[in-house]
């Protein structure tokens, strides 16, 4: 059954994760929402060193995807609260913790020489999209031929390796 927004568009059933690679660490955050996704730091936000195994990295991504929320049954007030209050407030806390951890004085300094992936899951398909031109936390997706598409079931180790491959495709 499709659930529609007030504008008549179907609500999005896609789940998502953002992965930043900052100074030899993976910053993995669940993305939640309705017609677009924002960081859902209360649902899932982890910082792990590059030295983690592919199995552990794949398991982290799967857990973040599982905790990504779709607001299909939420009221408009709950959706507005998430986008306008909760997500921005938690984003500021997350960035402050990363800036303190990596001794960055500004957000652009934090993201200098970092890489980012967007991971989305729709039904049994996971798509990993390298992000180009990260600046101040934003960026744009890569060409489709750079995307990595995986069909489930996928082992944790294979997903972890795909994440590392995706990061190697970031420019």
Foldseek 3Di string as FASTA:
>chain_A
DFFADPVGHTWDPKWKWKWKCFPQKTWIFTWEATNDTFTDVVQDTDIGGNPDALQVQLVNNVSSRVSHYGCRPPDPVVRCCVVPPVRVVVVVVVQVVQCVVVVNPALQSRRVVMWMWMWMDDPFKIKIWTFEDDGSNDTHTDPPVLIDMDGDPDHSNVSSVNNVSSRVPYD
